[in-house]
PDB file of all heavy atoms in Angstrom:
ATOM      1  N   GLY A   1      46.473 138.212 155.445  1.00  0.00           N
ATOM      2  CA  GLY A   1      45.212 138.915 155.905  1.00  0.00           C
ATOM      3  C   GLY A   1      45.014 138.930 157.309  1.00  0.00           C
ATOM      4  O   GLY A   1      44.044 139.559 157.881  1.00  0.00           O
ATOM      5  N   ILE A   2      45.909 138.282 158.168  1.00  0.00           N
ATOM      6  CA  ILE A   2      45.729 138.296 159.599  1.00  0.00           C
ATOM      7  C   ILE A   2      46.826 138.718 160.431  1.00  0.00           C
ATOM      8  O   ILE A   2      46.680 139.252 161.541  1.00  0.00           O
ATOM      9  CB  ILE A   2      45.318 136.849 160.048  1.00  0.00           C
ATOM     10  CG1 ILE A   2      46.273 135.802 159.550  1.00  0.00           C
ATOM     11  CG2 ILE A   2      43.898 136.493 159.619  1.00  0.00           C
ATOM     12  CD1 ILE A   2      46.038 134.382 160.076  1.00  0.00           C
ATOM     13  N   ILE A   3      48.136 138.543 160.044  1.00  0.00           N
ATOM     14  CA  ILE A   3      49.242 138.882 160.826  1.00  0.00           C
ATOM     15  C   ILE A   3      49.852 140.195 160.454  1.00  0.00           C
ATOM     16  O   ILE A   3      50.212 140.384 159.222  1.00  0.00           O
ATOM     17  CB  ILE A   3      50.378 137.774 160.711  1.00  0.00           C
ATOM     18  CG1 ILE A   3      49.823 136.452 161.187  1.00  0.00           C
ATOM     19  CG2 ILE A   3      51.544 138.167 161.584  1.00  0.00           C
ATOM     20  CD1 ILE A   3      50.690 135.295 160.885  1.00  0.00           C
ATOM     21  N   ASP A   4      49.857 141.206 161.319  1.00  0.00           N
ATOM     22  CA  ASP A   4      50.387 142.458 160.958  1.00  0.00           C
ATOM     23  C   ASP A   4      51.812 142.502 160.580  1.00  0.00           C
ATOM     24  O   ASP A   4      52.629 141.594 161.062  1.00  0.00           O
ATOM     25  CB  ASP A   4      50.174 143.525 162.175  1.00  0.00           C
ATOM     26  CG  ASP A   4      48.747 143.904 162.386  1.00  0.00           C
ATOM     27  OD1 ASP A   4      48.007 143.960 161.460  1.00  0.00           O
ATOM     28  OD2 ASP A   4      48.321 144.122 163.567  1.00  0.00           O
ATOM     29  N   GLY A   5      52.269 143.356 159.761  1.00  0.00           N
ATOM     30  CA  GLY A   5      53.539 143.426 159.221  1.00  0.00           C
ATOM     31  C   GLY A   5      54.574 143.976 160.190  1.00  0.00           C
ATOM     32  O   GLY A   5      54.231 144.505 161.364  1.00  0.00           O
ATOM     33  N   ARG A   6      55.864 143.947 159.820  1.00  0.00           N
ATOM     34  CA  ARG A   6      56.968 144.453 160.583  1.00  0.00           C
ATOM     35  C   ARG A   6      57.866 145.361 159.695  1.00  0.00           C
ATOM     36  O   ARG A   6      58.487 144.862 158.824  1.00  0.00           O
ATOM     37  CB  ARG A   6      57.801 143.227 161.205  1.00  0.00           C
ATOM     38  CG  ARG A   6      58.938 143.628 162.087  1.00  0.00           C
ATOM     39  CD  ARG A   6      59.832 142.389 162.504  1.00  0.00           C
ATOM     40  NE  ARG A   6      59.041 141.262 162.842  1.00  0.00           N
ATOM     41  CZ  ARG A   6      58.504 141.065 164.047  1.00  0.00           C
ATOM     42  NH1 ARG A   6      58.666 141.997 165.009  1.00  0.00           N
ATOM     43  NH2 ARG A   6      57.892 139.948 164.364  1.00  0.00           N
ATOM     44  N   ILE A   7      57.772 146.642 159.938  1.00  0.00           N
ATOM     45  CA  ILE A   7      58.478 147.660 159.181  1.00  0.00           C
ATOM     46  C   ILE A   7      59.017 148.673 160.150  1.00  0.00           C
ATOM     47  O   ILE A   7      58.354 149.123 161.071  1.00  0.00           O
ATOM     48  CB  ILE A   7      57.582 148.333 158.138  1.00  0.00           C
ATOM     49  CG1 ILE A   7      57.013 147.263 157.103  1.00  0.00           C
ATOM     50  CG2 ILE A   7      58.375 149.413 157.415  1.00  0.00           C
ATOM     51  CD1 ILE A   7      56.079 147.804 156.047  1.00  0.00           C
ATOM     52  N   THR A   8      60.282 149.113 159.849  1.00  0.00           N
ATOM     53  CA  THR A   8      60.832 150.207 160.689  1.00  0.00           C
ATOM     54  C   THR A   8      61.286 151.332 159.765  1.00  0.00           C
ATOM     55  O   THR A   8      61.734 151.207 158.669  1.00  0.00           O
ATOM     56  CB  THR A   8      62.210 149.583 161.354  1.00  0.00           C
ATOM     57  OG1 THR A   8      61.874 148.572 162.257  1.00  0.00           O
ATOM     58  CG2 THR A   8      62.942 150.714 162.121  1.00  0.00           C
ATOM     59  N   TYR A   9      60.886 152.513 160.305  1.00  0.00           N
ATOM     60  CA  TYR A   9      61.195 153.814 159.572  1.00  0.00           C
ATOM     61  C   TYR A   9      62.159 154.560 160.444  1.00  0.00           C
ATOM     62  O   TYR A   9      61.968 154.691 161.625  1.00  0.00           O
ATOM     63  CB  TYR A   9      59.913 154.676 159.351  1.00  0.00           C
ATOM     64  CG  TYR A   9      58.998 154.060 158.394  1.00  0.00           C
ATOM     65  CD1 TYR A   9      58.070 153.117 158.659  1.00  0.00           C
ATOM     66  CD2 TYR A   9      59.056 154.555 157.048  1.00  0.00           C
ATOM     67  CE1 TYR A   9      57.215 152.597 157.670  1.00  0.00           C
ATOM     68  CE2 TYR A   9      58.258 154.029 156.040  1.00  0.00           C
ATOM     69  CZ  TYR A   9      57.292 153.056 156.337  1.00  0.00           C
ATOM     70  OH  TYR A   9      56.460 152.538 155.439  1.00  0.00           O
ATOM     71  N   VAL A  10      63.145 155.297 159.856  1.00  0.00           N
ATOM     72  CA  VAL A  10      63.968 156.273 160.575  1.00  0.00           C
ATOM     73  C   VAL A  10      63.590 157.549 159.951  1.00  0.00           C
ATOM     74  O   VAL A  10      63.621 157.837 158.738  1.00  0.00           O
ATOM     75  CB  VAL A  10      65.401 155.984 160.300  1.00  0.00           C
ATOM     76  CG1 VAL A  10      66.237 157.066 161.025  1.00  0.00           C
ATOM     77  CG2 VAL A  10      65.876 154.586 160.918  1.00  0.00           C
ATOM     78  N   ILE A  11      63.124 158.504 160.813  1.00  0.00           N
ATOM     79  CA  ILE A  11      62.548 159.767 160.397  1.00  0.00           C
ATOM     80  C   ILE A  11      63.436 160.903 161.047  1.00  0.00           C
ATOM     81  O   ILE A  11      63.632 160.923 162.257  1.00  0.00           O
ATOM     82  CB  ILE A  11      61.082 159.892 160.827  1.00  0.00           C
ATOM     83  CG1 ILE A  11      60.305 158.752 160.295  1.00  0.00           C
ATOM     84  CG2 ILE A  11      60.477 161.303 160.405  1.00  0.00           C
ATOM     85  CD1 ILE A  11      58.903 158.542 160.932  1.00  0.00           C
ATOM     86  N   ASP A  12      63.955 161.811 160.156  1.00  0.00           N
ATOM     87  CA  ASP A  12      64.811 162.808 160.668  1.00  0.00           C
ATOM     88  C   ASP A  12      64.023 163.999 161.282  1.00  0.00           C
ATOM     89  O   ASP A  12      62.762 164.009 161.390  1.00  0.00           O
ATOM     90  CB  ASP A  12      65.814 163.283 159.600  1.00  0.00           C
ATOM     91  CG  ASP A  12      65.107 164.123 158.480  1.00  0.00           C
ATOM     92  OD1 ASP A  12      63.975 164.651 158.660  1.00  0.00           O
ATOM     93  OD2 ASP A  12      65.834 164.235 157.407  1.00  0.00           O
ATOM     94  N   THR A  13      64.743 164.972 161.776  1.00  0.00           N
ATOM     95  CA  THR A  13      64.179 166.106 162.558  1.00  0.00           C
ATOM     96  C   THR A  13      63.392 167.075 161.704  1.00  0.00           C
ATOM     97  O   THR A  13      62.694 167.963 162.178  1.00  0.00           O
ATOM     98  CB  THR A  13      65.245 166.878 163.255  1.00  0.00           C
ATOM     99  OG1 THR A  13      66.215 167.392 162.314  1.00  0.00           O
ATOM    100  CG2 THR A  13      65.954 166.054 164.298  1.00  0.00           C
ATOM    101  N   ARG A  14      63.385 166.828 160.355  1.00  0.00           N
ATOM    102  CA  ARG A  14      62.554 167.577 159.418  1.00  0.00           C
ATOM    103  C   ARG A  14      61.301 166.836 159.079  1.00  0.00           C
ATOM    104  O   ARG A  14      60.443 167.262 158.311  1.00  0.00           O
ATOM    105  CB  ARG A  14      63.280 167.997 158.222  1.00  0.00           C
ATOM    106  CG  ARG A  14      64.475 168.979 158.501  1.00  0.00           C
ATOM    107  CD  ARG A  14      65.248 169.301 157.242  1.00  0.00           C
ATOM    108  NE  ARG A  14      65.859 168.039 156.725  1.00  0.00           N
ATOM    109  CZ  ARG A  14      65.775 167.698 155.396  1.00  0.00           C
ATOM    110  NH1 ARG A  14      65.102 168.431 154.534  1.00  0.00           N
ATOM    111  NH2 ARG A  14      66.290 166.543 155.063  1.00  0.00           N
ATOM    112  N   GLY A  15      61.190 165.604 159.623  1.00  0.00           N
ATOM    113  CA  GLY A  15      59.972 164.710 159.280  1.00  0.00           C
ATOM    114  C   GLY A  15      60.143 163.937 157.974  1.00  0.00           C
ATOM    115  O   GLY A  15      59.153 163.398 157.517  1.00  0.00           O
ATOM    116  N   ILE A  16      61.378 163.858 157.593  1.00  0.00           N
ATOM    117  CA  ILE A  16      61.632 163.149 156.304  1.00  0.00           C
ATOM    118  C   ILE A  16      62.160 161.713 156.598  1.00  0.00           C
ATOM    119  O   ILE A  16      62.987 161.561 157.387  1.00  0.00           O
ATOM    120  CB  ILE A  16      62.759 163.864 155.475  1.00  0.00           C
ATOM    121  CG1 ILE A  16      62.291 165.372 155.220  1.00  0.00           C
ATOM    122  CG2 ILE A  16      63.039 163.205 154.137  1.00  0.00           C
ATOM    123  CD1 ILE A  16      61.011 165.497 154.332  1.00  0.00           C
ATOM    124  N   VAL A  17      61.547 160.792 155.856  1.00  0.00           N
ATOM    125  CA  VAL A  17      61.905 159.361 155.993  1.00  0.00           C
ATOM    126  C   VAL A  17      63.323 159.252 155.447  1.00  0.00           C
ATOM    127  O   VAL A  17      63.678 159.557 154.284  1.00  0.00           O
ATOM    128  CB  VAL A  17      61.013 158.466 155.252  1.00  0.00           C
ATOM    129  CG1 VAL A  17      61.446 157.037 155.242  1.00  0.00           C
ATOM    130  CG2 VAL A  17      59.600 158.546 155.830  1.00  0.00           C
ATOM    131  N   ARG A  18      64.266 158.778 156.252  1.00  0.00           N
ATOM    132  CA  ARG A  18      65.628 158.500 155.880  1.00  0.00           C
ATOM    133  C   ARG A  18      65.953 157.088 155.523  1.00  0.00           C
ATOM    134  O   ARG A  18      66.942 156.749 154.886  1.00  0.00           O
ATOM    135  CB  ARG A  18      66.588 159.045 156.954  1.00  0.00           C
ATOM    136  CG  ARG A  18      66.450 160.484 157.188  1.00  0.00           C
ATOM    137  CD  ARG A  18      67.011 161.313 156.018  1.00  0.00           C
ATOM    138  NE  ARG A  18      68.421 161.115 155.759  1.00  0.00           N
ATOM    139  CZ  ARG A  18      69.393 161.822 156.305  1.00  0.00           C
ATOM    140  NH1 ARG A  18      69.150 162.813 157.031  1.00  0.00           N
ATOM    141  NH2 ARG A  18      70.591 161.505 155.940  1.00  0.00           N
ATOM    142  N   HIS A  19      65.138 156.193 156.063  1.00  0.00           N
ATOM    143  CA  HIS A  19      65.375 154.716 155.868  1.00  0.00           C
ATOM    144  C   HIS A  19      64.114 153.944 156.192  1.00  0.00           C
ATOM    145  O   HIS A  19      63.288 154.287 157.017  1.00  0.00           O
ATOM    146  CB  HIS A  19      66.447 154.258 156.770  1.00  0.00           C
ATOM    147  CG  HIS A  19      66.883 152.835 156.638  1.00  0.00           C
ATOM    148  ND1 HIS A  19      67.612 152.376 155.530  1.00  0.00           N
ATOM    149  CD2 HIS A  19      66.641 151.677 157.351  1.00  0.00           C
ATOM    150  CE1 HIS A  19      67.888 151.052 155.646  1.00  0.00           C
ATOM    151  NE2 HIS A  19      67.261 150.597 156.670  1.00  0.00           N
ATOM    152  N   VAL A  20      63.832 152.868 155.364  1.00  0.00           N
ATOM    153  CA  VAL A  20      62.815 151.974 155.630  1.00  0.00           C
ATOM    154  C   VAL A  20      63.256 150.541 155.464  1.00  0.00           C
ATOM    155  O   VAL A  20      64.092 150.194 154.567  1.00  0.00           O
ATOM    156  CB  VAL A  20      61.696 152.087 154.472  1.00  0.00           C
ATOM    157  CG1 VAL A  20      60.594 151.136 154.685  1.00  0.00           C
ATOM    158  CG2 VAL A  20      61.221 153.557 154.336  1.00  0.00           C
ATOM    159  N   PHE A  21      63.004 149.741 156.499  1.00  0.00           N
ATOM    160  CA  PHE A  21      63.411 148.332 156.435  1.00  0.00           C
ATOM    161  C   PHE A  21      62.159 147.456 156.776  1.00  0.00           C
ATOM    162  O   PHE A  21      61.467 147.672 157.763  1.00  0.00           O
ATOM    163  CB  PHE A  21      64.519 148.071 157.435  1.00  0.00           C
ATOM    164  CG  PHE A  21      64.972 146.641 157.410  1.00  0.00           C
ATOM    165  CD1 PHE A  21      65.734 146.119 156.394  1.00  0.00           C
ATOM    166  CD2 PHE A  21      64.714 145.794 158.495  1.00  0.00           C
ATOM    167  CE1 PHE A  21      66.175 144.801 156.373  1.00  0.00           C
ATOM    168  CE2 PHE A  21      65.004 144.490 158.442  1.00  0.00           C
ATOM    169  CZ  PHE A  21      65.749 143.997 157.426  1.00  0.00           C
ATOM    170  N   SER A  22      61.907 146.552 155.917  1.00  0.00           N
ATOM    171  CA  SER A  22      60.751 145.617 156.129  1.00  0.00           C
ATOM    172  C   SER A  22      61.214 144.169 156.037  1.00  0.00           C
ATOM    173  O   SER A  22      61.833 143.756 155.026  1.00  0.00           O
ATOM    174  CB  SER A  22      59.767 145.850 154.995  1.00  0.00           C
ATOM    175  OG  SER A  22      58.657 145.011 155.051  1.00  0.00           O
ATOM    176  N   SER A  23      61.009 143.494 157.110  1.00  0.00           N
ATOM    177  CA  SER A  23      61.286 142.067 157.196  1.00  0.00           C
ATOM    178  C   SER A  23      60.502 141.363 158.328  1.00  0.00           C
ATOM    179  O   SER A  23      60.695 141.799 159.502  1.00  0.00           O
ATOM    180  CB  SER A  23      62.795 141.829 157.407  1.00  0.00           C
ATOM    181  OG  SER A  23      63.064 140.381 157.611  1.00  0.00           O
ATOM    182  N   ARG A  24      59.643 140.470 158.017  1.00  0.00           N
ATOM    183  CA  ARG A  24      58.933 139.762 159.054  1.00  0.00           C
ATOM    184  C   ARG A  24      59.830 138.668 159.694  1.00  0.00           C
ATOM    185  O   ARG A  24      59.615 138.377 160.845  1.00  0.00           O
ATOM    186  CB  ARG A  24      57.723 139.100 158.435  1.00  0.00           C
ATOM    187  CG  ARG A  24      56.609 140.031 158.065  1.00  0.00           C
ATOM    188  CD  ARG A  24      55.391 139.298 157.604  1.00  0.00           C
ATOM    189  NE  ARG A  24      54.240 140.111 157.459  1.00  0.00           N
ATOM    190  CZ  ARG A  24      53.890 140.826 156.346  1.00  0.00           C
ATOM    191  NH1 ARG A  24      54.707 140.720 155.309  1.00  0.00           N
ATOM    192  NH2 ARG A  24      52.905 141.530 156.315  1.00  0.00           N
ATOM    193  N   LEU A  25      60.832 138.222 159.072  1.00  0.00           N
ATOM    194  CA  LEU A  25      61.514 137.072 159.534  1.00  0.00           C
ATOM    195  C   LEU A  25      62.906 137.390 160.136  1.00  0.00           C
ATOM    196  O   LEU A  25      63.545 136.653 160.652  1.00  0.00           O
ATOM    197  CB  LEU A  25      61.792 136.084 158.317  1.00  0.00           C
ATOM    198  CG  LEU A  25      60.550 135.548 157.659  1.00  0.00           C
ATOM    199  CD1 LEU A  25      60.872 134.657 156.525  1.00  0.00           C
ATOM    200  CD2 LEU A  25      59.700 134.831 158.741  1.00  0.00           C
ATOM    201  N   GLN A  26      63.302 138.741 160.101  1.00  0.00           N
ATOM    202  CA  GLN A  26      64.555 139.163 160.707  1.00  0.00           C
ATOM    203  C   GLN A  26      64.315 140.252 161.676  1.00  0.00           C
ATOM    204  O   GLN A  26      64.778 141.424 161.415  1.00  0.00           O
ATOM    205  CB  GLN A  26      65.576 139.586 159.634  1.00  0.00           C
ATOM    206  CG  GLN A  26      66.006 138.413 158.641  1.00  0.00           C
ATOM    207  CD  GLN A  26      66.863 138.874 157.599  1.00  0.00           C
ATOM    208  OE1 GLN A  26      66.971 140.081 157.267  1.00  0.00           O
ATOM    209  NE2 GLN A  26      67.557 137.943 156.970  1.00  0.00           N
ATOM    210  N   PRO A  27      63.647 140.010 162.814  1.00  0.00           N
ATOM    211  CA  PRO A  27      63.302 141.122 163.611  1.00  0.00           C
ATOM    212  C   PRO A  27      64.380 141.936 164.278  1.00  0.00           C
ATOM    213  O   PRO A  27      64.412 143.127 164.412  1.00  0.00           O
ATOM    214  CB  PRO A  27      62.415 140.444 164.756  1.00  0.00           C
ATOM    215  CG  PRO A  27      62.727 139.008 164.656  1.00  0.00           C
ATOM    216  CD  PRO A  27      63.156 138.774 163.245  1.00  0.00           C
TER     217      PRO A  27
END
C-alpha cells in the first residue's frame, strides 16, 4: 500500500500494447 509498482509497456504505432513486463525486483 505504499511503494509504487514497476511495470513496462511496449506500445506500437497504432496504440496497441505489444508487451507488458512487471517485476519490482529485476529493474
